[in-house]
Amino acid sequence: LVVMVTPDLTDRIAANGLIRPIARIVGGGGGGRPE
């Protein structure tokens, strides 16, 4: 899985926060930067 968020949205929707619950559904985990 990959999540990308444009810089103008990262204060409200951070990629590293969004990917965690998505990854849990497929039995995994992950992380990264807000973008």
Full PDB file with SEQRES, HELIX, SHEET, SSBOND, CRYST1, ORIGX, SCALE, CONECT and MASTER records, all heavy atoms in Angstrom:
SEQRES   1 A   35  LEU VAL VAL MET VAL THR PRO ASP LEU THR ASP ARG ILE          
SEQRES   2 A   35  ALA ALA ASN GLY LEU ILE ARG PRO ILE ALA ARG ILE VAL          
SEQRES   3 A   35  GLY GLY GLY GLY GLY GLY ARG PRO GLU                          
HELIX    1 AA1 PRO A    7  LEU A    9  5                                   3    
HELIX    2 AA2 ALA A   15  ILE A   25  1                                  11    
CRYST1    1.000    1.000    1.000  90.00  90.00  90.00 P 1           1          
ORIGX1      1.000000  0.000000  0.000000        0.00000                         
ORIGX2      0.000000  1.000000  0.000000        0.00000                         
ORIGX3      0.000000  0.000000  1.000000        0.00000                         
SCALE1      1.000000  0.000000  0.000000        0.00000                         
SCALE2      0.000000  1.000000  0.000000        0.00000                         
SCALE3      0.000000  0.000000  1.000000        0.00000                         
ATOM      1  N   LEU A   1       0.841  -1.196   0.000  1.00  0.00           N  
ATOM      2  CA  LEU A   1       0.000   0.000   0.000  1.00  0.00           C  
ATOM      3  C   LEU A   1       0.876   1.246   0.000  1.00  0.00           C  
ATOM      4  O   LEU A   1       1.940   1.260   0.626  1.00  0.00           O  
ATOM      5  CB  LEU A   1      -0.881   0.043   1.246  1.00  0.00           C  
ATOM      6  CG  LEU A   1      -1.887  -1.086   1.431  1.00  0.00           C  
ATOM      7  CD1 LEU A   1      -2.365  -1.130   2.867  1.00  0.00           C  
ATOM      8  CD2 LEU A   1      -3.059  -0.879   0.487  1.00  0.00           C  
ATOM      9  N   VAL A   2       0.409   2.278  -0.679  1.00  0.00           N  
ATOM     10  CA  VAL A   2       1.062   3.580  -0.674  1.00  0.00           C  
ATOM     11  C   VAL A   2      -0.023   4.641  -0.536  1.00  0.00           C  
ATOM     12  O   VAL A   2      -1.059   4.563  -1.203  1.00  0.00           O  
ATOM     13  CB  VAL A   2       1.864   3.839  -1.976  1.00  0.00           C  
ATOM     14  CG1 VAL A   2       2.437   5.243  -1.991  1.00  0.00           C  
ATOM     15  CG2 VAL A   2       2.960   2.821  -2.139  1.00  0.00           C  
ATOM     16  N   VAL A   3       0.215   5.624   0.323  1.00  0.00           N  
ATOM     17  CA  VAL A   3      -0.683   6.769   0.468  1.00  0.00           C  
ATOM     18  C   VAL A   3       0.131   8.028   0.223  1.00  0.00           C  
ATOM     19  O   VAL A   3       1.220   8.184   0.779  1.00  0.00           O  
ATOM     20  CB  VAL A   3      -1.315   6.828   1.882  1.00  0.00           C  
ATOM     21  CG1 VAL A   3      -2.122   8.103   2.059  1.00  0.00           C  
ATOM     22  CG2 VAL A   3      -2.188   5.610   2.131  1.00  0.00           C  
ATOM     23  N   MET A   4      -0.402   8.913  -0.620  1.00  0.00           N  
ATOM     24  CA  MET A   4       0.228  10.198  -0.880  1.00  0.00           C  
ATOM     25  C   MET A   4      -0.797  11.301  -0.649  1.00  0.00           C  
ATOM     26  O   MET A   4      -1.959  11.158  -1.058  1.00  0.00           O  
ATOM     27  CB  MET A   4       0.764  10.261  -2.300  1.00  0.00           C  
ATOM     28  CG  MET A   4       1.943   9.317  -2.515  1.00  0.00           C  
ATOM     29  SD  MET A   4       2.449   9.204  -4.233  1.00  0.00           S  
ATOM     30  CE  MET A   4       1.263   8.016  -4.822  1.00  0.00           C  
ATOM     31  N   VAL A   5      -0.383  12.369   0.004  1.00  0.00           N  
ATOM     32  CA  VAL A   5      -1.253  13.502   0.317  1.00  0.00           C  
ATOM     33  C   VAL A   5      -0.522  14.770  -0.104  1.00  0.00           C  
ATOM     34  O   VAL A   5       0.669  14.931   0.207  1.00  0.00           O  
ATOM     35  CB  VAL A   5      -1.577  13.555   1.829  1.00  0.00           C  
ATOM     36  CG1 VAL A   5      -2.453  14.748   2.155  1.00  0.00           C  
ATOM     37  CG2 VAL A   5      -2.248  12.260   2.283  1.00  0.00           C  
ATOM     38  N   THR A   6      -1.220  15.648  -0.793  1.00  0.00           N  
ATOM     39  CA  THR A   6      -0.587  16.902  -1.211  1.00  0.00           C  
ATOM     40  C   THR A   6      -0.301  17.766   0.027  1.00  0.00           C  
ATOM     41  O   THR A   6      -1.031  17.703   1.024  1.00  0.00           O  
ATOM     42  CB  THR A   6      -1.462  17.673  -2.214  1.00  0.00           C  
ATOM     43  OG1 THR A   6      -2.755  17.888  -1.652  1.00  0.00           O  
ATOM     44  CG2 THR A   6      -1.585  16.919  -3.526  1.00  0.00           C  
ATOM     45  N   PRO A   7       0.765  18.546  -0.023  1.00  0.00           N  
ATOM     46  CA  PRO A   7       1.186  19.334   1.143  1.00  0.00           C  
ATOM     47  C   PRO A   7       0.108  20.247   1.727  1.00  0.00           C  
ATOM     48  O   PRO A   7       0.089  20.477   2.936  1.00  0.00           O  
ATOM     49  CB  PRO A   7       2.366  20.155   0.616  1.00  0.00           C  
ATOM     50  CG  PRO A   7       2.929  19.330  -0.490  1.00  0.00           C  
ATOM     51  CD  PRO A   7       1.720  18.667  -1.129  1.00  0.00           C  
ATOM     52  N   ASP A   8      -0.798  20.744   0.912  1.00  0.00           N  
ATOM     53  CA  ASP A   8      -1.828  21.647   1.431  1.00  0.00           C  
ATOM     54  C   ASP A   8      -2.847  20.939   2.324  1.00  0.00           C  
ATOM     55  O   ASP A   8      -3.605  21.591   3.033  1.00  0.00           O  
ATOM     56  CB  ASP A   8      -2.546  22.361   0.285  1.00  0.00           C  
ATOM     57  CG  ASP A   8      -3.282  21.409  -0.637  1.00  0.00           C  
ATOM     58  OD1 ASP A   8      -2.644  20.448  -1.129  1.00  0.00           O  
ATOM     59  OD2 ASP A   8      -4.477  21.619  -0.887  1.00  0.00           O  
ATOM     60  N   LEU A   9      -2.864  19.616   2.333  1.00  0.00           N  
ATOM     61  CA  LEU A   9      -3.828  18.858   3.141  1.00  0.00           C  
ATOM     62  C   LEU A   9      -3.210  18.158   4.346  1.00  0.00           C  
ATOM     63  O   LEU A   9      -3.943  17.648   5.194  1.00  0.00           O  
ATOM     64  CB  LEU A   9      -4.527  17.804   2.274  1.00  0.00           C  
ATOM     65  CG  LEU A   9      -5.374  18.310   1.121  1.00  0.00           C  
ATOM     66  CD1 LEU A   9      -5.925  17.140   0.319  1.00  0.00           C  
ATOM     67  CD2 LEU A   9      -6.505  19.187   1.635  1.00  0.00           C  
ATOM     68  N   THR A  10      -1.888  18.111   4.427  1.00  0.00           N  
ATOM     69  CA  THR A  10      -1.258  17.295   5.463  1.00  0.00           C  
ATOM     70  C   THR A  10      -1.543  17.757   6.886  1.00  0.00           C  
ATOM     71  O   THR A  10      -1.405  16.976   7.816  1.00  0.00           O  
ATOM     72  CB  THR A  10       0.265  17.195   5.263  1.00  0.00           C  
ATOM     73  OG1 THR A  10       0.821  18.504   5.241  1.00  0.00           O  
ATOM     74  CG2 THR A  10       0.598  16.442   3.989  1.00  0.00           C  
ATOM     75  N   ASP A  11      -1.948  18.999   7.073  1.00  0.00           N  
ATOM     76  CA  ASP A  11      -2.298  19.436   8.428  1.00  0.00           C  
ATOM     77  C   ASP A  11      -3.621  18.813   8.893  1.00  0.00           C  
ATOM     78  O   ASP A  11      -3.880  18.717  10.085  1.00  0.00           O  
ATOM     79  CB  ASP A  11      -2.358  20.962   8.518  1.00  0.00           C  
ATOM     80  CG  ASP A  11      -3.410  21.572   7.620  1.00  0.00           C  
ATOM     81  OD1 ASP A  11      -3.682  21.011   6.539  1.00  0.00           O  
ATOM     82  OD2 ASP A  11      -3.956  22.633   7.988  1.00  0.00           O  
ATOM     83  N   ARG A  12      -4.439  18.354   7.960  1.00  0.00           N  
ATOM     84  CA  ARG A  12      -5.724  17.708   8.287  1.00  0.00           C  
ATOM     85  C   ARG A  12      -5.712  16.217   8.019  1.00  0.00           C  
ATOM     86  O   ARG A  12      -6.347  15.444   8.740  1.00  0.00           O  
ATOM     87  CB  ARG A  12      -6.855  18.347   7.478  1.00  0.00           C  
ATOM     88  CG  ARG A  12      -7.107  19.787   7.863  1.00  0.00           C  
ATOM     89  CD  ARG A  12      -8.145  20.401   6.977  1.00  0.00           C  
ATOM     90  NE  ARG A  12      -7.474  20.708   5.697  1.00  0.00           N  
ATOM     91  CZ  ARG A  12      -8.093  20.964   4.578  1.00  0.00           C  
ATOM     92  NH1 ARG A  12      -9.393  20.934   4.520  1.00  0.00           N  
ATOM     93  NH2 ARG A  12      -7.419  21.249   3.490  1.00  0.00           N  
ATOM     94  N   ILE A  13      -5.036  15.792   6.963  1.00  0.00           N  
ATOM     95  CA  ILE A  13      -4.991  14.377   6.566  1.00  0.00           C  
ATOM     96  C   ILE A  13      -3.525  14.023   6.300  1.00  0.00           C  
ATOM     97  O   ILE A  13      -2.984  14.374   5.259  1.00  0.00           O  
ATOM     98  CB  ILE A  13      -5.824  14.131   5.291  1.00  0.00           C  
ATOM     99  CG1 ILE A  13      -7.258  14.564   5.493  1.00  0.00           C  
ATOM    100  CG2 ILE A  13      -5.745  12.661   4.889  1.00  0.00           C  
ATOM    101  CD1 ILE A  13      -8.085  14.589   4.217  1.00  0.00           C  
ATOM    102  N   ALA A  14      -2.895  13.356   7.242  1.00  0.00           N  
ATOM    103  CA  ALA A  14      -1.496  12.964   7.082  1.00  0.00           C  
ATOM    104  C   ALA A  14      -1.430  11.539   6.538  1.00  0.00           C  
ATOM    105  O   ALA A  14      -2.151  10.657   7.001  1.00  0.00           O  
ATOM    106  CB  ALA A  14      -0.759  13.060   8.405  1.00  0.00           C  
ATOM    107  N   ALA A  15      -0.583  11.321   5.560  1.00  0.00           N  
ATOM    108  CA  ALA A  15      -0.448   9.994   4.951  1.00  0.00           C  
ATOM    109  C   ALA A  15      -0.055   8.944   5.977  1.00  0.00           C  
ATOM    110  O   ALA A  15      -0.584   7.827   5.972  1.00  0.00           O  
ATOM    111  CB  ALA A  15       0.581  10.044   3.825  1.00  0.00           C  
ATOM    112  N   ASN A  16       0.861   9.295   6.882  1.00  0.00           N  
ATOM    113  CA  ASN A  16       1.303   8.323   7.875  1.00  0.00           C  
ATOM    114  C   ASN A  16       0.205   7.966   8.877  1.00  0.00           C  
ATOM    115  O   ASN A  16       0.198   6.869   9.419  1.00  0.00           O  
ATOM    116  CB  ASN A  16       2.574   8.789   8.584  1.00  0.00           C  
ATOM    117  CG  ASN A  16       2.477  10.171   9.177  1.00  0.00           C  
ATOM    118  OD1 ASN A  16       1.515  10.901   8.953  1.00  0.00           O  
ATOM    119  ND2 ASN A  16       3.496  10.554   9.913  1.00  0.00           N  
ATOM    120  N   GLY A  17      -0.729   8.844   9.109  1.00  0.00           N  
ATOM    121  CA  GLY A  17      -1.871   8.533   9.973  1.00  0.00           C  
ATOM    122  C   GLY A  17      -2.958   7.766   9.245  1.00  0.00           C  
ATOM    123  O   GLY A  17      -3.648   6.929   9.827  1.00  0.00           O  
ATOM    124  N   LEU A  18      -3.107   8.031   7.969  1.00  0.00           N  
ATOM    125  CA  LEU A  18      -4.143   7.381   7.172  1.00  0.00           C  
ATOM    126  C   LEU A  18      -3.785   5.938   6.841  1.00  0.00           C  
ATOM    127  O   LEU A  18      -4.647   5.065   6.798  1.00  0.00           O  
ATOM    128  CB  LEU A  18      -4.368   8.187   5.882  1.00  0.00           C  
ATOM    129  CG  LEU A  18      -5.494   7.770   4.955  1.00  0.00           C  
ATOM    130  CD1 LEU A  18      -6.839   7.775   5.691  1.00  0.00           C  
ATOM    131  CD2 LEU A  18      -5.553   8.697   3.759  1.00  0.00           C  
ATOM    132  N   ILE A  19      -2.517   5.653   6.653  1.00  0.00           N  
ATOM    133  CA  ILE A  19      -2.140   4.314   6.202  1.00  0.00           C  
ATOM    134  C   ILE A  19      -2.278   3.253   7.296  1.00  0.00           C  
ATOM    135  O   ILE A  19      -2.562   2.094   7.001  1.00  0.00           O  
ATOM    136  CB  ILE A  19      -0.720   4.299   5.595  1.00  0.00           C  
ATOM    137  CG1 ILE A  19      -0.589   3.085   4.684  1.00  0.00           C  
ATOM    138  CG2 ILE A  19       0.348   4.315   6.670  1.00  0.00           C  
ATOM    139  CD1 ILE A  19       0.434   3.206   3.620  1.00  0.00           C  
ATOM    140  N   ARG A  20      -2.131   3.634   8.546  1.00  0.00           N  
ATOM    141  CA  ARG A  20      -2.175   2.638   9.625  1.00  0.00           C  
ATOM    142  C   ARG A  20      -3.486   1.864   9.686  1.00  0.00           C  
ATOM    143  O   ARG A  20      -3.467   0.632   9.702  1.00  0.00           O  
ATOM    144  CB  ARG A  20      -1.848   3.298  10.958  1.00  0.00           C  
ATOM    145  CG  ARG A  20      -0.390   3.671  11.063  1.00  0.00           C  
ATOM    146  CD  ARG A  20      -0.054   4.254  12.438  1.00  0.00           C  
ATOM    147  NE  ARG A  20       1.246   4.897  12.366  1.00  0.00           N  
ATOM    148  CZ  ARG A  20       1.423   6.205  12.338  1.00  0.00           C  
ATOM    149  NH1 ARG A  20       0.399   7.027  12.404  1.00  0.00           N  
ATOM    150  NH2 ARG A  20       2.631   6.712  12.267  1.00  0.00           N  
ATOM    151  N   PRO A  21      -4.642   2.529   9.731  1.00  0.00           N  
ATOM    152  CA  PRO A  21      -5.894   1.751   9.788  1.00  0.00           C  
ATOM    153  C   PRO A  21      -6.165   0.963   8.503  1.00  0.00           C  
ATOM    154  O   PRO A  21      -6.784  -0.104   8.546  1.00  0.00           O  
ATOM    155  CB  PRO A  21      -6.976   2.792  10.041  1.00  0.00           C  
ATOM    156  CG  PRO A  21      -6.370   4.105   9.694  1.00  0.00           C  
ATOM    157  CD  PRO A  21      -4.896   3.957   9.878  1.00  0.00           C  
ATOM    158  N   ILE A  22      -5.698   1.461   7.373  1.00  0.00           N  
ATOM    159  CA  ILE A  22      -5.866   0.727   6.113  1.00  0.00           C  
ATOM    160  C   ILE A  22      -5.036  -0.552   6.155  1.00  0.00           C  
ATOM    161  O   ILE A  22      -5.509  -1.635   5.804  1.00  0.00           O  
ATOM    162  CB  ILE A  22      -5.443   1.606   4.907  1.00  0.00           C  
ATOM    163  CG1 ILE A  22      -6.289   2.871   4.836  1.00  0.00           C  
ATOM    164  CG2 ILE A  22      -5.554   0.823   3.610  1.00  0.00           C  
ATOM    165  CD1 ILE A  22      -5.737   3.914   3.883  1.00  0.00           C  
ATOM    166  N   ALA A  23      -3.800  -0.436   6.608  1.00  0.00           N  
ATOM    167  CA  ALA A  23      -2.901  -1.591   6.675  1.00  0.00           C  
ATOM    168  C   ALA A  23      -3.395  -2.639   7.666  1.00  0.00           C  
ATOM    169  O   ALA A  23      -3.233  -3.838   7.437  1.00  0.00           O  
ATOM    170  CB  ALA A  23      -1.495  -1.138   7.043  1.00  0.00           C  
ATOM    171  N   ARG A  24      -4.001  -2.205   8.767  1.00  0.00           N  
ATOM    172  CA  ARG A  24      -4.524  -3.167   9.750  1.00  0.00           C  
ATOM    173  C   ARG A  24      -5.554  -4.101   9.125  1.00  0.00           C  
ATOM    174  O   ARG A  24      -5.630  -5.273   9.469  1.00  0.00           O  
ATOM    175  CB  ARG A  24      -5.122  -2.442  10.946  1.00  0.00           C  
ATOM    176  CG  ARG A  24      -4.086  -2.015  11.966  1.00  0.00           C  
ATOM    177  CD  ARG A  24      -4.713  -1.613  13.290  1.00  0.00           C  
ATOM    178  NE  ARG A  24      -5.530  -0.423  13.211  1.00  0.00           N  
ATOM    179  CZ  ARG A  24      -5.095   0.812  13.399  1.00  0.00           C  
ATOM    180  NH1 ARG A  24      -3.827   1.031  13.686  1.00  0.00           N  
ATOM    181  NH2 ARG A  24      -5.907   1.841  13.322  1.00  0.00           N  
ATOM    182  N   ILE A  25      -6.341  -3.591   8.197  1.00  0.00           N  
ATOM    183  CA  ILE A  25      -7.373  -4.415   7.554  1.00  0.00           C  
ATOM    184  C   ILE A  25      -6.747  -5.583   6.800  1.00  0.00           C  
ATOM    185  O   ILE A  25      -7.296  -6.683   6.790  1.00  0.00           O  
ATOM    186  CB  ILE A  25      -8.260  -3.557   6.619  1.00  0.00           C  
ATOM    187  CG1 ILE A  25      -9.058  -2.553   7.450  1.00  0.00           C  
ATOM    188  CG2 ILE A  25      -9.183  -4.442   5.781  1.00  0.00           C  
ATOM    189  CD1 ILE A  25      -9.806  -1.521   6.630  1.00  0.00           C  
ATOM    190  N   VAL A  26      -5.588  -5.374   6.193  1.00  0.00           N  
ATOM    191  CA  VAL A  26      -4.926  -6.433   5.429  1.00  0.00           C  
ATOM    192  C   VAL A  26      -3.866  -7.168   6.251  1.00  0.00           C  
ATOM    193  O   VAL A  26      -3.019  -7.869   5.715  1.00  0.00           O  
ATOM    194  CB  VAL A  26      -4.322  -5.910   4.100  1.00  0.00           C  
ATOM    195  CG1 VAL A  26      -5.413  -5.464   3.153  1.00  0.00           C  
ATOM    196  CG2 VAL A  26      -3.309  -4.801   4.351  1.00  0.00           C  
ATOM    197  N   GLY A  27      -3.932  -6.992   7.573  1.00  0.00           N  
ATOM    198  CA  GLY A  27      -3.040  -7.716   8.451  1.00  0.00           C  
ATOM    199  C   GLY A  27      -1.614  -7.221   8.456  1.00  0.00           C  
ATOM    200  O   GLY A  27      -0.679  -8.003   8.563  1.00  0.00           O  
ATOM    201  N   GLY A  28      -1.451  -5.915   8.372  1.00  0.00           N  
ATOM    202  CA  GLY A  28      -0.104  -5.376   8.324  1.00  0.00           C  
ATOM    203  C   GLY A  28       0.030  -4.072   9.059  1.00  0.00           C  
ATOM    204  O   GLY A  28      -0.829  -3.682   9.852  1.00  0.00           O  
ATOM    205  N   GLY A  29       1.096  -3.382   8.767  1.00  0.00           N  
ATOM    206  CA  GLY A  29       1.382  -2.099   9.367  1.00  0.00           C  
ATOM    207  C   GLY A  29       2.296  -1.316   8.455  1.00  0.00           C  
ATOM    208  O   GLY A  29       2.816  -1.837   7.476  1.00  0.00           O  
ATOM    209  N   GLY A  30       2.482  -0.065   8.818  1.00  0.00           N  
ATOM    210  CA  GLY A  30       3.343   0.774   8.012  1.00  0.00           C  
ATOM    211  C   GLY A  30       3.492   2.141   8.613  1.00  0.00           C  
ATOM    212  O   GLY A  30       3.022   2.409   9.711  1.00  0.00           O  
ATOM    213  N   GLY A  31       4.135   3.015   7.884  1.00  0.00           N  
ATOM    214  CA  GLY A  31       4.347   4.372   8.347  1.00  0.00           C  
ATOM    215  C   GLY A  31       5.024   5.187   7.271  1.00  0.00           C  
ATOM    216  O   GLY A  31       5.160   4.753   6.132  1.00  0.00           O  
ATOM    217  N   GLY A  32       5.445   6.358   7.662  1.00  0.00           N  
ATOM    218  CA  GLY A  32       6.107   7.242   6.711  1.00  0.00           C  
ATOM    219  C   GLY A  32       6.001   8.679   7.142  1.00  0.00           C  
ATOM    220  O   GLY A  32       5.938   8.984   8.332  1.00  0.00           O  
ATOM    221  N   ARG A  33       5.932   9.545   6.183  1.00  0.00           N  
ATOM    222  CA  ARG A  33       5.858  10.985   6.414  1.00  0.00           C  
ATOM    223  C   ARG A  33       4.431  11.476   6.158  1.00  0.00           C  
ATOM    224  O   ARG A  33       3.632  10.769   5.567  1.00  0.00           O  
ATOM    225  CB  ARG A  33       6.828  11.698   5.473  1.00  0.00           C  
ATOM    226  CG  ARG A  33       8.282  11.260   5.657  1.00  0.00           C  
ATOM    227  CD  ARG A  33       9.231  11.981   4.703  1.00  0.00           C  
ATOM    228  NE  ARG A  33       8.740  12.089   3.324  1.00  0.00           N  
ATOM    229  CZ  ARG A  33       8.886  11.170   2.381  1.00  0.00           C  
ATOM    230  NH1 ARG A  33       9.475  10.027   2.650  1.00  0.00           N  
ATOM    231  NH2 ARG A  33       8.422  11.376   1.166  1.00  0.00           N  
ATOM    232  N   PRO A  34       4.125  12.710   6.554  1.00  0.00           N  
ATOM    233  CA  PRO A  34       2.786  13.250   6.304  1.00  0.00           C  
ATOM    234  C   PRO A  34       2.412  13.290   4.819  1.00  0.00           C  
ATOM    235  O   PRO A  34       1.239  13.162   4.477  1.00  0.00           O  
ATOM    236  CB  PRO A  34       2.846  14.664   6.880  1.00  0.00           C  
ATOM    237  CG  PRO A  34       3.892  14.590   7.944  1.00  0.00           C  
ATOM    238  CD  PRO A  34       4.917  13.609   7.409  1.00  0.00           C  
ATOM    239  N   GLU A  35       3.402  13.427   3.923  1.00  0.00           N  
ATOM    240  CA  GLU A  35       3.122  13.496   2.486  1.00  0.00           C  
ATOM    241  C   GLU A  35       3.066  12.125   1.812  1.00  0.00           C  
ATOM    242  O   GLU A  35       2.416  11.971   0.790  1.00  0.00           O  
ATOM    243  CB  GLU A  35       4.180  14.338   1.761  1.00  0.00           C  
ATOM    244  CG  GLU A  35       4.311  15.745   2.243  1.00  0.00           C  
ATOM    245  CD  GLU A  35       5.253  15.863   3.440  1.00  0.00           C  
ATOM    246  OE1 GLU A  35       6.063  14.950   3.686  1.00  0.00           O  
ATOM    247  OE2 GLU A  35       5.164  16.876   4.154  1.00  0.00           O  
TER     248      GLU A  35                                                      
MASTER        0    0    0    2    0    0    0    6  247    1    0    3          
END                                                                             
